Amino acid sequence: MRDEAQAVIIGGGVAGCSIAYHLTQMGWRDIVLVERGTLTGGSTHRAAGLIGQLRGTYNLTRMIMNSVELYGRLLQETGIDPDWRQVGSLRLASSTLRMEEIRRLVSQAKAFGLDVELLTPREAIELCPIIGDHDLVGAAWIPRDGRTNPIDTTRASRNTTWWGSGSSPRMMNAPLTVAGNRSNLARTETGSLTPPPVTSPAPTTAGTPAAPA
């Protein structure tokens, strides 16, 4: 086993595999994914997979818009169906204050390039007849929102990563140790690894990813 890597990613969920995917698209070829259990075995396994693009900042909105574009081509790229369903979503307002916030978000999102429109209560009910109208003030309709299966999406991005890198994945199941301001993989039965950049998309529920050496 080689003892160096271009990058080490902590966490084998949808975020970790997505980072690996995008790094390989940028030309990185030696990436290690560290997962203490199994791929998607943590918070990804319990995620609902709802994809909403109407956000409060430019970076968040554009990031999720790019994700939506990626979900739409994963099946063609990998042969693995992420179960992407672009059914659209409604953002409802039951007060004038909430409607003012939605108007601000919609105006902002349109400037970011997002396809979104304001609806009257009647128009919202026509799209989704099961919602009540007794306190409905208005809504925002985002037609390109949808849902995906987080587990299959992770499997698809992982598959793309390894094919895109032209090599087999390097996956390790090991704790991290920290010496000073540098992270190092603890020694395992197959050796140890000294990485340059380390990124940890693992959620806070994963516990402490590293301990003092």
N, C-alpha and C. Protein backbone atom coordinates (compact mmCIF):
# COMPACT_ATOMS: atom_id res chain seq x y z
N MET A 1 0.83 -1.20 0.00
CA MET A 1 0.00 0.00 0.00
C MET A 1 0.87 1.25 0.00
N ARG A 2 0.56 2.20 -0.89
CA ARG A 2 1.30 3.46 -0.91
C ARG A 2 0.99 4.25 0.36
N ASP A 3 1.97 5.05 0.80
CA ASP A 3 1.80 5.75 2.07
C ASP A 3 1.46 7.23 1.90
N GLU A 4 1.08 7.65 0.68
CA GLU A 4 0.69 9.04 0.45
C GLU A 4 -0.54 9.09 -0.44
N ALA A 5 -1.23 10.23 -0.40
CA ALA A 5 -2.40 10.44 -1.25
C ALA A 5 -2.53 11.93 -1.52
N GLN A 6 -3.22 12.25 -2.61
CA GLN A 6 -3.46 13.67 -2.90
C GLN A 6 -4.45 14.28 -1.91
N ALA A 7 -5.44 13.48 -1.51
CA ALA A 7 -6.46 13.96 -0.57
C ALA A 7 -7.05 12.79 0.17
N VAL A 8 -7.48 13.05 1.39
CA VAL A 8 -8.17 12.05 2.20
C VAL A 8 -9.53 12.60 2.57
N ILE A 9 -10.57 11.83 2.34
CA ILE A 9 -11.95 12.24 2.63
C ILE A 9 -12.47 11.34 3.74
N ILE A 10 -12.98 11.94 4.80
CA ILE A 10 -13.51 11.20 5.93
C ILE A 10 -15.02 11.10 5.79
N GLY A 11 -15.51 9.90 5.64
CA GLY A 11 -16.95 9.70 5.56
C GLY A 11 -17.40 9.18 4.21
N GLY A 12 -17.96 7.98 4.19
CA GLY A 12 -18.39 7.36 2.94
C GLY A 12 -19.87 7.50 2.68
N GLY A 13 -20.39 8.70 2.93
CA GLY A 13 -21.79 8.98 2.62
C GLY A 13 -21.91 9.73 1.30
N VAL A 14 -23.07 10.31 1.06
CA VAL A 14 -23.29 11.00 -0.21
C VAL A 14 -22.38 12.22 -0.35
N ALA A 15 -22.08 12.91 0.75
CA ALA A 15 -21.20 14.08 0.67
C ALA A 15 -19.77 13.67 0.37
N GLY A 16 -19.27 12.63 1.06
CA GLY A 16 -17.90 12.18 0.83
C GLY A 16 -17.69 11.68 -0.58
N CYS A 17 -18.61 10.87 -1.08
CA CYS A 17 -18.48 10.35 -2.45
C CYS A 17 -18.65 11.47 -3.48
N SER A 18 -19.47 12.46 -3.16
CA SER A 18 -19.62 13.60 -4.07
C SER A 18 -18.31 14.40 -4.17
N ILE A 19 -17.65 14.59 -3.03
CA ILE A 19 -16.37 15.30 -3.05
C ILE A 19 -15.36 14.51 -3.90
N ALA A 20 -15.32 13.19 -3.71
CA ALA A 20 -14.41 12.36 -4.50
C ALA A 20 -14.73 12.47 -5.99
N TYR A 21 -16.01 12.46 -6.32
CA TYR A 21 -16.43 12.58 -7.72
C TYR A 21 -15.92 13.89 -8.32
N HIS A 22 -16.15 15.00 -7.63
CA HIS A 22 -15.77 16.30 -8.19
C HIS A 22 -14.25 16.46 -8.26
N LEU A 23 -13.53 15.89 -7.30
CA LEU A 23 -12.07 15.97 -7.37
C LEU A 23 -11.54 15.20 -8.58
N THR A 24 -12.11 14.02 -8.87
CA THR A 24 -11.65 13.28 -10.04
C THR A 24 -12.01 14.01 -11.33
N GLN A 25 -13.14 14.72 -11.32
CA GLN A 25 -13.48 15.51 -12.50
C GLN A 25 -12.48 16.65 -12.72
N MET A 26 -11.82 17.07 -11.64
CA MET A 26 -10.80 18.12 -11.72
C MET A 26 -9.42 17.55 -12.06
N GLY A 27 -9.34 16.23 -12.18
CA GLY A 27 -8.07 15.62 -12.56
C GLY A 27 -7.30 14.96 -11.44
N TRP A 28 -7.83 14.97 -10.22
CA TRP A 28 -7.13 14.30 -9.11
C TRP A 28 -7.25 12.79 -9.31
N ARG A 29 -6.16 12.06 -9.06
CA ARG A 29 -6.14 10.64 -9.38
C ARG A 29 -5.83 9.74 -8.19
N ASP A 30 -5.44 10.29 -7.06
CA ASP A 30 -5.10 9.45 -5.91
C ASP A 30 -5.81 9.97 -4.67
N ILE A 31 -7.02 9.46 -4.46
CA ILE A 31 -7.89 9.92 -3.39
C ILE A 31 -8.22 8.74 -2.49
N VAL A 32 -8.15 8.96 -1.19
CA VAL A 32 -8.50 7.92 -0.22
C VAL A 32 -9.78 8.33 0.50
N LEU A 33 -10.71 7.39 0.55
CA LEU A 33 -11.96 7.60 1.28
C LEU A 33 -11.91 6.76 2.55
N VAL A 34 -12.01 7.41 3.69
CA VAL A 34 -11.95 6.72 4.98
C VAL A 34 -13.37 6.57 5.52
N GLU A 35 -13.78 5.35 5.78
CA GLU A 35 -15.12 5.08 6.30
C GLU A 35 -15.00 4.02 7.40
N ARG A 36 -15.54 4.33 8.57
CA ARG A 36 -15.40 3.41 9.70
C ARG A 36 -16.35 2.22 9.61
N GLY A 37 -17.39 2.35 8.80
CA GLY A 37 -18.34 1.26 8.66
C GLY A 37 -18.51 0.86 7.21
N THR A 38 -19.72 1.05 6.67
CA THR A 38 -19.99 0.75 5.27
C THR A 38 -20.46 2.02 4.57
N LEU A 39 -20.31 2.07 3.26
CA LEU A 39 -20.78 3.21 2.50
C LEU A 39 -22.27 3.43 2.76
N THR A 40 -22.66 4.67 2.98
CA THR A 40 -24.04 5.11 3.25
C THR A 40 -24.59 4.56 4.56
N GLY A 41 -23.73 4.04 5.42
CA GLY A 41 -24.22 3.44 6.66
C GLY A 41 -24.58 4.44 7.74
N GLY A 42 -24.26 5.73 7.55
CA GLY A 42 -24.54 6.73 8.57
C GLY A 42 -25.78 7.54 8.27
N SER A 43 -25.64 8.87 8.29
CA SER A 43 -26.80 9.75 8.11
C SER A 43 -27.38 9.65 6.70
N THR A 44 -26.56 9.33 5.70
CA THR A 44 -27.08 9.18 4.33
C THR A 44 -28.16 8.12 4.28
N HIS A 45 -27.98 7.05 5.03
CA HIS A 45 -28.94 5.95 5.03
C HIS A 45 -30.31 6.40 5.54
N ARG A 46 -30.33 7.44 6.37
CA ARG A 46 -31.59 7.89 6.98
C ARG A 46 -32.14 9.16 6.34
N ALA A 47 -31.47 9.65 5.31
CA ALA A 47 -31.90 10.90 4.68
C ALA A 47 -33.14 10.71 3.82
N ALA A 48 -33.94 11.75 3.72
CA ALA A 48 -35.17 11.68 2.92
C ALA A 48 -34.90 11.83 1.42
N GLY A 49 -33.81 12.52 1.07
CA GLY A 49 -33.48 12.69 -0.34
C GLY A 49 -34.26 13.78 -1.05
N LEU A 50 -34.82 14.72 -0.30
CA LEU A 50 -35.56 15.83 -0.91
C LEU A 50 -34.59 16.90 -1.37
N ILE A 51 -34.73 17.35 -2.61
CA ILE A 51 -33.80 18.31 -3.19
C ILE A 51 -34.53 19.61 -3.48
N GLY A 52 -34.27 20.63 -2.66
CA GLY A 52 -34.89 21.94 -2.82
C GLY A 52 -33.85 22.99 -3.16
N GLN A 53 -34.06 23.73 -4.23
CA GLN A 53 -33.05 24.67 -4.71
C GLN A 53 -33.27 26.12 -4.25
N LEU A 54 -34.41 26.41 -3.66
CA LEU A 54 -34.71 27.78 -3.23
C LEU A 54 -34.01 28.06 -1.91
N ARG A 55 -32.84 28.71 -1.99
CA ARG A 55 -32.01 28.96 -0.81
C ARG A 55 -31.75 30.45 -0.64
N GLY A 56 -31.15 30.79 0.49
CA GLY A 56 -30.99 32.19 0.82
C GLY A 56 -29.72 32.84 0.31
N THR A 57 -28.78 32.04 -0.24
CA THR A 57 -27.53 32.61 -0.73
C THR A 57 -27.25 32.11 -2.14
N TYR A 58 -26.42 32.87 -2.84
CA TYR A 58 -26.05 32.50 -4.21
C TYR A 58 -25.31 31.17 -4.24
N ASN A 59 -24.33 30.99 -3.34
CA ASN A 59 -23.52 29.78 -3.37
C ASN A 59 -24.34 28.53 -3.13
N LEU A 60 -25.23 28.57 -2.13
CA LEU A 60 -26.07 27.40 -1.85
C LEU A 60 -27.01 27.10 -3.01
N THR A 61 -27.62 28.14 -3.56
CA THR A 61 -28.55 27.94 -4.67
C THR A 61 -27.84 27.33 -5.87
N ARG A 62 -26.70 27.89 -6.27
CA ARG A 62 -25.97 27.39 -7.44
C ARG A 62 -25.43 25.98 -7.19
N MET A 63 -25.01 25.68 -5.96
CA MET A 63 -24.51 24.35 -5.65
C MET A 63 -25.60 23.30 -5.85
N ILE A 64 -26.80 23.59 -5.37
CA ILE A 64 -27.88 22.62 -5.49
C ILE A 64 -28.39 22.56 -6.93
N MET A 65 -28.37 23.68 -7.64
CA MET A 65 -28.73 23.65 -9.07
C MET A 65 -27.76 22.76 -9.84
N ASN A 66 -26.47 22.85 -9.52
CA ASN A 66 -25.49 21.97 -10.16
C ASN A 66 -25.72 20.51 -9.78
N SER A 67 -26.13 20.26 -8.53
CA SER A 67 -26.42 18.90 -8.09
C SER A 67 -27.60 18.33 -8.88
N VAL A 68 -28.63 19.14 -9.09
CA VAL A 68 -29.80 18.69 -9.85
C VAL A 68 -29.39 18.29 -11.27
N GLU A 69 -28.53 19.09 -11.87
CA GLU A 69 -28.05 18.77 -13.21
C GLU A 69 -27.27 17.45 -13.20
N LEU A 70 -26.50 17.21 -12.15
CA LEU A 70 -25.72 15.98 -12.04
C LEU A 70 -26.63 14.77 -11.86
N TYR A 71 -27.65 14.87 -11.00
CA TYR A 71 -28.55 13.75 -10.77
C TYR A 71 -29.21 13.29 -12.07
N GLY A 72 -29.47 14.26 -12.94
CA GLY A 72 -30.14 13.94 -14.19
C GLY A 72 -29.29 13.14 -15.17
N ARG A 73 -27.98 13.12 -14.97
CA ARG A 73 -27.12 12.39 -15.91
C ARG A 73 -26.39 11.20 -15.28
N LEU A 74 -26.58 10.96 -13.98
CA LEU A 74 -25.87 9.88 -13.32
C LEU A 74 -26.20 8.51 -13.90
N LEU A 75 -27.45 8.27 -14.23
CA LEU A 75 -27.83 6.97 -14.80
C LEU A 75 -27.09 6.73 -16.10
N GLN A 76 -27.05 7.73 -16.96
CA GLN A 76 -26.35 7.60 -18.24
C GLN A 76 -24.85 7.41 -18.04
N GLU A 77 -24.27 8.09 -17.07
CA GLU A 77 -22.83 8.00 -16.84
C GLU A 77 -22.41 6.69 -16.19
N THR A 78 -23.25 6.16 -15.30
CA THR A 78 -22.81 5.04 -14.46
C THR A 78 -23.57 3.75 -14.66
N GLY A 79 -24.78 3.84 -15.20
CA GLY A 79 -25.61 2.64 -15.30
C GLY A 79 -26.35 2.35 -14.00
N ILE A 80 -26.17 3.18 -12.99
CA ILE A 80 -26.86 3.03 -11.70
C ILE A 80 -27.92 4.11 -11.60
N ASP A 81 -29.16 3.69 -11.39
CA ASP A 81 -30.28 4.63 -11.32
C ASP A 81 -30.34 5.25 -9.93
N PRO A 82 -30.12 6.58 -9.81
CA PRO A 82 -30.22 7.23 -8.49
C PRO A 82 -31.66 7.48 -8.06
N ASP A 83 -32.60 7.02 -8.88
CA ASP A 83 -34.02 7.21 -8.59
C ASP A 83 -34.38 8.68 -8.49
N TRP A 84 -33.82 9.47 -9.42
CA TRP A 84 -34.08 10.91 -9.44
C TRP A 84 -35.44 11.15 -10.06
N ARG A 85 -36.32 11.85 -9.33
CA ARG A 85 -37.67 12.17 -9.79
C ARG A 85 -37.86 13.68 -9.70
N GLN A 86 -37.89 14.34 -10.84
CA GLN A 86 -37.99 15.81 -10.88
C GLN A 86 -39.46 16.20 -10.90
N VAL A 87 -40.08 16.16 -9.73
CA VAL A 87 -41.53 16.36 -9.61
C VAL A 87 -41.90 17.79 -9.24
N GLY A 88 -40.90 18.62 -8.89
CA GLY A 88 -41.18 19.99 -8.48
C GLY A 88 -41.55 20.06 -7.00
N SER A 89 -41.56 21.29 -6.47
CA SER A 89 -41.94 21.47 -5.07
C SER A 89 -42.65 22.79 -4.87
N LEU A 90 -43.41 22.86 -3.80
CA LEU A 90 -44.12 24.07 -3.41
C LEU A 90 -43.57 24.58 -2.08
N ARG A 91 -43.31 25.87 -2.00
CA ARG A 91 -42.96 26.52 -0.74
C ARG A 91 -44.18 27.34 -0.33
N LEU A 92 -44.86 26.93 0.74
CA LEU A 92 -46.13 27.53 1.13
C LEU A 92 -45.97 28.63 2.17
N ALA A 93 -46.87 29.59 2.14
CA ALA A 93 -46.91 30.67 3.13
C ALA A 93 -48.29 30.71 3.77
N SER A 94 -48.31 30.70 5.09
CA SER A 94 -49.59 30.79 5.81
C SER A 94 -49.71 32.09 6.58
N SER A 95 -48.82 33.03 6.29
CA SER A 95 -48.90 34.36 6.91
C SER A 95 -48.32 35.38 5.94
N THR A 96 -48.69 36.63 6.11
CA THR A 96 -48.17 37.68 5.23
C THR A 96 -46.66 37.84 5.41
N LEU A 97 -46.19 37.65 6.65
CA LEU A 97 -44.76 37.77 6.91
C LEU A 97 -43.98 36.69 6.16
N ARG A 98 -44.51 35.48 6.21
CA ARG A 98 -43.85 34.37 5.50
C ARG A 98 -43.89 34.60 3.99
N MET A 99 -44.98 35.16 3.50
CA MET A 99 -45.09 35.42 2.07
C MET A 99 -44.10 36.49 1.64
N GLU A 100 -43.87 37.46 2.48
CA GLU A 100 -42.86 38.48 2.17
C GLU A 100 -41.48 37.84 2.05
N GLU A 101 -41.19 36.91 2.94
CA GLU A 101 -39.90 36.21 2.88
C GLU A 101 -39.78 35.41 1.59
N ILE A 102 -40.87 34.72 1.20
CA ILE A 102 -40.85 33.93 -0.03
C ILE A 102 -40.67 34.83 -1.25
N ARG A 103 -41.34 35.97 -1.26
CA ARG A 103 -41.16 36.91 -2.38
C ARG A 103 -39.70 37.34 -2.51
N ARG A 104 -39.08 37.61 -1.36
CA ARG A 104 -37.68 38.02 -1.38
C ARG A 104 -36.79 36.89 -1.92
N LEU A 105 -37.05 35.66 -1.46
CA LEU A 105 -36.27 34.51 -1.92
C LEU A 105 -36.45 34.27 -3.40
N VAL A 106 -37.69 34.41 -3.87
CA VAL A 106 -37.97 34.17 -5.29
C VAL A 106 -37.27 35.21 -6.16
N SER A 107 -37.34 36.47 -5.75
CA SER A 107 -36.67 37.52 -6.50
C SER A 107 -35.17 37.28 -6.57
N GLN A 108 -34.61 36.87 -5.44
CA GLN A 108 -33.19 36.57 -5.36
C GLN A 108 -32.83 35.38 -6.23
N ALA A 109 -33.63 34.32 -6.13
CA ALA A 109 -33.35 33.09 -6.86
C ALA A 109 -33.42 33.29 -8.37
N LYS A 110 -34.35 34.11 -8.83
CA LYS A 110 -34.44 34.39 -10.26
C LYS A 110 -33.17 35.07 -10.75
N ALA A 111 -32.61 35.95 -9.93
CA ALA A 111 -31.35 36.60 -10.29
C ALA A 111 -30.21 35.59 -10.35
N PHE A 112 -30.34 34.48 -9.59
CA PHE A 112 -29.32 33.43 -9.59
C PHE A 112 -29.49 32.47 -10.77
N GLY A 113 -30.62 32.61 -11.50
CA GLY A 113 -30.87 31.73 -12.64
C GLY A 113 -31.79 30.57 -12.35
N LEU A 114 -32.44 30.55 -11.20
CA LEU A 114 -33.34 29.45 -10.84
C LEU A 114 -34.72 29.66 -11.45
N ASP A 115 -35.30 28.58 -11.97
CA ASP A 115 -36.65 28.60 -12.51
C ASP A 115 -37.64 28.51 -11.35
N VAL A 116 -38.30 29.61 -11.01
CA VAL A 116 -39.20 29.66 -9.87
C VAL A 116 -40.26 30.72 -10.14
N GLU A 117 -41.47 30.50 -9.61
CA GLU A 117 -42.52 31.49 -9.80
C GLU A 117 -43.43 31.57 -8.57
N LEU A 118 -44.00 32.74 -8.36
CA LEU A 118 -44.95 32.94 -7.27
C LEU A 118 -46.34 32.48 -7.71
N LEU A 119 -47.09 31.90 -6.76
CA LEU A 119 -48.43 31.41 -7.06
C LEU A 119 -49.44 32.01 -6.08
N THR A 120 -50.64 32.18 -6.56
CA THR A 120 -51.75 32.53 -5.68
C THR A 120 -52.21 31.25 -4.96
N PRO A 121 -53.01 31.38 -3.90
CA PRO A 121 -53.52 30.18 -3.23
C PRO A 121 -54.26 29.25 -4.19
N ARG A 122 -55.07 29.80 -5.08
CA ARG A 122 -55.82 28.98 -6.02
C ARG A 122 -54.88 28.20 -6.95
N GLU A 123 -53.83 28.86 -7.43
CA GLU A 123 -52.87 28.20 -8.32
C GLU A 123 -52.12 27.09 -7.59
N ALA A 124 -51.79 27.33 -6.32
CA ALA A 124 -51.08 26.31 -5.54
C ALA A 124 -51.96 25.08 -5.34
N ILE A 125 -53.24 25.30 -5.05
CA ILE A 125 -54.17 24.19 -4.83
C ILE A 125 -54.41 23.41 -6.12
N GLU A 126 -54.39 24.09 -7.25
CA GLU A 126 -54.53 23.38 -8.53
C GLU A 126 -53.36 22.42 -8.76
N LEU A 127 -52.17 22.80 -8.30
CA LEU A 127 -51.01 21.92 -8.45
C LEU A 127 -51.03 20.79 -7.43
N CYS A 128 -51.53 21.09 -6.22
CA CYS A 128 -51.54 20.09 -5.14
C CYS A 128 -52.87 20.19 -4.39
N PRO A 129 -53.90 19.51 -4.89
CA PRO A 129 -55.25 19.66 -4.32
C PRO A 129 -55.38 19.23 -2.87
N ILE A 130 -54.43 18.47 -2.33
CA ILE A 130 -54.59 17.98 -0.96
C ILE A 130 -54.26 19.03 0.09
N ILE A 131 -53.65 20.15 -0.29
CA ILE A 131 -53.32 21.16 0.71
C ILE A 131 -54.57 21.98 1.06
N GLY A 132 -54.62 22.45 2.29
CA GLY A 132 -55.76 23.25 2.72
C GLY A 132 -55.62 24.70 2.31
N ASP A 133 -56.72 25.43 2.22
CA ASP A 133 -56.68 26.82 1.78
C ASP A 133 -57.19 27.80 2.84
N HIS A 134 -57.49 27.30 4.05
CA HIS A 134 -58.11 28.19 5.03
C HIS A 134 -57.13 29.26 5.54
N ASP A 135 -55.81 28.97 5.51
CA ASP A 135 -54.84 29.98 5.94
C ASP A 135 -53.71 30.16 4.93
N LEU A 136 -53.96 29.73 3.71
CA LEU A 136 -52.92 29.81 2.68
C LEU A 136 -52.90 31.21 2.06
N VAL A 137 -51.75 31.86 2.12
CA VAL A 137 -51.60 33.22 1.59
C VAL A 137 -51.02 33.20 0.18
N GLY A 138 -50.15 32.25 -0.09
CA GLY A 138 -49.51 32.15 -1.40
C GLY A 138 -48.46 31.07 -1.37
N ALA A 139 -47.71 30.95 -2.47
CA ALA A 139 -46.71 29.90 -2.54
C ALA A 139 -45.67 30.22 -3.61
N ALA A 140 -44.58 29.49 -3.56
CA ALA A 140 -43.58 29.52 -4.62
C ALA A 140 -43.51 28.13 -5.23
N TRP A 141 -43.44 28.07 -6.55
CA TRP A 141 -43.37 26.80 -7.29
C TRP A 141 -41.99 26.68 -7.93
N ILE A 142 -41.28 25.62 -7.58
CA ILE A 142 -39.94 25.36 -8.14
C ILE A 142 -40.04 24.07 -8.96
N PRO A 143 -40.27 24.16 -10.26
CA PRO A 143 -40.58 22.98 -11.07
C PRO A 143 -39.42 22.00 -11.23
N ARG A 144 -38.17 22.43 -11.03
CA ARG A 144 -37.04 21.54 -11.24
C ARG A 144 -36.53 20.91 -9.93
N ASP A 145 -37.24 21.13 -8.83
CA ASP A 145 -36.92 20.42 -7.60
C ASP A 145 -37.35 18.96 -7.74
N GLY A 146 -36.90 18.13 -6.81
CA GLY A 146 -37.30 16.72 -6.88
C GLY A 146 -36.82 15.94 -5.69
N ARG A 147 -36.75 14.63 -5.90
CA ARG A 147 -36.30 13.72 -4.85
C ARG A 147 -35.38 12.68 -5.47
N THR A 148 -34.49 12.16 -4.65
CA THR A 148 -33.58 11.12 -5.10
C THR A 148 -33.41 10.10 -3.99
N ASN A 149 -32.91 8.94 -4.34
CA ASN A 149 -32.60 7.93 -3.35
C ASN A 149 -31.16 8.15 -2.90
N PRO A 150 -30.91 8.58 -1.65
CA PRO A 150 -29.55 8.93 -1.23
C PRO A 150 -28.56 7.77 -1.36
N ILE A 151 -29.01 6.55 -1.09
CA ILE A 151 -28.11 5.40 -1.16
C ILE A 151 -27.69 5.13 -2.61
N ASP A 152 -28.66 5.09 -3.52
CA ASP A 152 -28.34 4.84 -4.92
C ASP A 152 -27.57 6.00 -5.54
N THR A 153 -27.84 7.22 -5.09
CA THR A 153 -27.09 8.38 -5.58
C THR A 153 -25.63 8.26 -5.16
N THR A 154 -25.40 7.82 -3.92
CA THR A 154 -24.03 7.62 -3.45
C THR A 154 -23.33 6.53 -4.26
N ARG A 155 -24.03 5.42 -4.48
CA ARG A 155 -23.46 4.33 -5.27
C ARG A 155 -23.11 4.79 -6.67
N ALA A 156 -23.97 5.62 -7.25
CA ALA A 156 -23.72 6.09 -8.61
C ALA A 156 -22.52 7.03 -8.66
N SER A 157 -22.44 7.97 -7.71
CA SER A 157 -21.30 8.91 -7.72
C SER A 157 -20.01 8.18 -7.39
N ARG A 158 -20.07 7.17 -6.55
CA ARG A 158 -18.89 6.35 -6.24
C ARG A 158 -18.44 5.63 -7.51
N ASN A 159 -19.39 5.04 -8.21
CA ASN A 159 -19.05 4.30 -9.43
C ASN A 159 -18.42 5.24 -10.46
N THR A 160 -18.98 6.44 -10.61
CA THR A 160 -18.42 7.43 -11.52
C THR A 160 -17.00 7.81 -11.11
N THR A 161 -16.80 7.96 -9.80
CA THR A 161 -15.49 8.35 -9.30
C THR A 161 -14.43 7.35 -9.71
N TRP A 162 -14.71 6.07 -9.48
CA TRP A 162 -13.66 5.08 -9.73
C TRP A 162 -13.42 4.89 -11.23
N TRP A 163 -14.48 4.91 -12.03
CA TRP A 163 -14.28 4.83 -13.48
C TRP A 163 -13.57 6.08 -13.98
N GLY A 164 -13.95 7.23 -13.45
CA GLY A 164 -13.34 8.49 -13.89
C GLY A 164 -11.87 8.59 -13.53
N SER A 165 -11.47 7.94 -12.42
CA SER A 165 -10.09 8.06 -11.99
C SER A 165 -9.19 7.08 -12.73
N GLY A 166 -9.81 6.09 -13.39
CA GLY A 166 -9.01 5.12 -14.12
C GLY A 166 -8.30 4.14 -13.21
N SER A 167 -8.73 4.04 -11.95
CA SER A 167 -8.08 3.12 -11.02
C SER A 167 -9.10 2.64 -10.01
N SER A 168 -8.72 1.63 -9.25
CA SER A 168 -9.60 1.11 -8.22
C SER A 168 -9.64 2.09 -7.05
N PRO A 169 -10.73 2.11 -6.29
CA PRO A 169 -10.81 3.01 -5.15
C PRO A 169 -9.87 2.59 -4.04
N ARG A 170 -9.38 3.54 -3.32
CA ARG A 170 -8.59 3.25 -2.12
C ARG A 170 -9.48 3.59 -0.94
N MET A 171 -9.99 2.56 -0.30
CA MET A 171 -10.86 2.76 0.85
C MET A 171 -10.21 2.17 2.08
N MET A 172 -10.28 2.89 3.18
CA MET A 172 -9.70 2.42 4.43
C MET A 172 -10.71 2.55 5.55
N ASN A 173 -10.61 1.65 6.50
CA ASN A 173 -11.43 1.71 7.69
C ASN A 173 -10.47 1.89 8.86
N ALA A 174 -10.26 3.15 9.28
CA ALA A 174 -9.24 3.41 10.29
C ALA A 174 -9.54 4.73 10.99
N PRO A 175 -9.10 4.87 12.26
CA PRO A 175 -9.23 6.15 12.94
C PRO A 175 -8.15 7.11 12.48
N LEU A 176 -8.31 8.37 12.82
CA LEU A 176 -7.29 9.38 12.53
C LEU A 176 -6.57 9.77 13.80
N THR A 177 -5.30 10.10 13.66
CA THR A 177 -4.58 10.72 14.77
C THR A 177 -4.07 12.07 14.31
N VAL A 178 -3.93 12.99 15.25
CA VAL A 178 -3.48 14.34 14.93
C VAL A 178 -2.20 14.64 15.69
N ALA A 179 -1.21 15.09 14.96
CA ALA A 179 0.04 15.50 15.58
C ALA A 179 0.25 16.98 15.26
N GLY A 180 0.13 17.85 16.26
CA GLY A 180 0.21 19.28 16.00
C GLY A 180 -0.98 19.71 15.18
N ASN A 181 -0.72 20.36 14.06
CA ASN A 181 -1.81 20.79 13.18
C ASN A 181 -1.89 19.91 11.94
N ARG A 182 -1.33 18.72 12.01
CA ARG A 182 -1.30 17.82 10.87
C ARG A 182 -2.08 16.55 11.19
N SER A 183 -2.89 16.09 10.24
CA SER A 183 -3.64 14.86 10.43
C SER A 183 -2.89 13.70 9.79
N ASN A 184 -2.88 12.57 10.47
CA ASN A 184 -2.24 11.38 9.95
C ASN A 184 -3.13 10.18 10.22
N LEU A 185 -3.20 9.28 9.27
CA LEU A 185 -3.97 8.08 9.49
C LEU A 185 -3.23 7.17 10.44
N ALA A 186 -3.94 6.62 11.39
CA ALA A 186 -3.30 5.70 12.32
C ALA A 186 -2.86 4.44 11.59
N ARG A 187 -1.87 3.76 12.16
CA ARG A 187 -1.36 2.55 11.54
C ARG A 187 -2.40 1.44 11.60
N THR A 188 -2.56 0.73 10.50
CA THR A 188 -3.46 -0.41 10.44
C THR A 188 -2.64 -1.62 10.03
N GLU A 189 -3.34 -2.75 9.85
CA GLU A 189 -2.63 -3.96 9.46
C GLU A 189 -2.01 -3.85 8.06
N THR A 190 -2.48 -2.88 7.26
CA THR A 190 -1.94 -2.71 5.92
C THR A 190 -0.96 -1.55 5.82
N GLY A 191 -0.70 -0.87 6.92
CA GLY A 191 0.25 0.24 6.90
C GLY A 191 -0.39 1.53 7.37
N SER A 192 0.30 2.64 7.14
CA SER A 192 -0.20 3.96 7.54
C SER A 192 -0.14 4.91 6.36
N LEU A 193 -0.84 6.01 6.50
CA LEU A 193 -0.96 6.95 5.40
C LEU A 193 -0.78 8.36 5.92
N THR A 194 0.05 9.14 5.24
CA THR A 194 0.24 10.54 5.58
C THR A 194 -0.35 11.39 4.47
N PRO A 195 -1.51 12.01 4.69
CA PRO A 195 -2.17 12.74 3.61
C PRO A 195 -1.80 14.21 3.60
N PRO A 196 -1.96 14.87 2.45
CA PRO A 196 -1.94 16.33 2.44
C PRO A 196 -3.31 16.84 2.88
N PRO A 197 -4.18 17.39 1.99
CA PRO A 197 -5.46 17.92 2.47
C PRO A 197 -6.38 16.83 3.02
N VAL A 198 -7.04 17.13 4.12
CA VAL A 198 -8.04 16.23 4.69
C VAL A 198 -9.36 16.99 4.76
N THR A 199 -10.43 16.39 4.25
CA THR A 199 -11.75 17.01 4.37
C THR A 199 -12.68 16.04 5.06
N SER A 200 -13.54 16.55 5.94
CA SER A 200 -14.43 15.70 6.71
C SER A 200 -15.88 16.13 6.54
N PRO A 201 -16.59 15.54 5.55
CA PRO A 201 -18.01 15.84 5.41
C PRO A 201 -18.87 15.01 6.35
N ALA A 202 -18.25 14.18 7.20
CA ALA A 202 -19.02 13.36 8.12
C ALA A 202 -19.81 14.26 9.08
N PRO A 203 -21.04 13.87 9.43
CA PRO A 203 -21.87 14.70 10.31
C PRO A 203 -21.37 14.66 11.74
N THR A 204 -21.87 15.57 12.56
CA THR A 204 -21.46 15.62 13.96
C THR A 204 -21.84 14.34 14.70
N THR A 205 -22.87 13.64 14.23
CA THR A 205 -23.28 12.39 14.89
C THR A 205 -22.25 11.30 14.71
N ALA A 206 -21.26 11.52 13.80
CA ALA A 206 -20.23 10.51 13.59
C ALA A 206 -19.22 10.48 14.73
N GLY A 207 -19.26 11.49 15.60
CA GLY A 207 -18.33 11.53 16.71
C GLY A 207 -17.04 12.23 16.32
N THR A 208 -16.03 12.12 17.16
CA THR A 208 -14.74 12.77 16.91
C THR A 208 -13.96 12.00 15.87
N PRO A 209 -13.62 12.63 14.73
CA PRO A 209 -12.95 11.89 13.66
C PRO A 209 -11.47 11.68 13.94
N ALA A 210 -10.87 12.43 14.87
CA ALA A 210 -9.44 12.30 15.10
C ALA A 210 -9.13 12.49 16.57
N ALA A 211 -8.03 11.89 16.99
CA ALA A 211 -7.60 12.01 18.37
C ALA A 211 -6.11 12.36 18.40
N PRO A 212 -5.62 12.96 19.50
CA PRO A 212 -4.21 13.30 19.58
C PRO A 212 -3.33 12.07 19.43
N ALA A 213 -2.21 12.21 18.73
CA ALA A 213 -1.31 11.09 18.54
C ALA A 213 -0.57 10.81 19.85
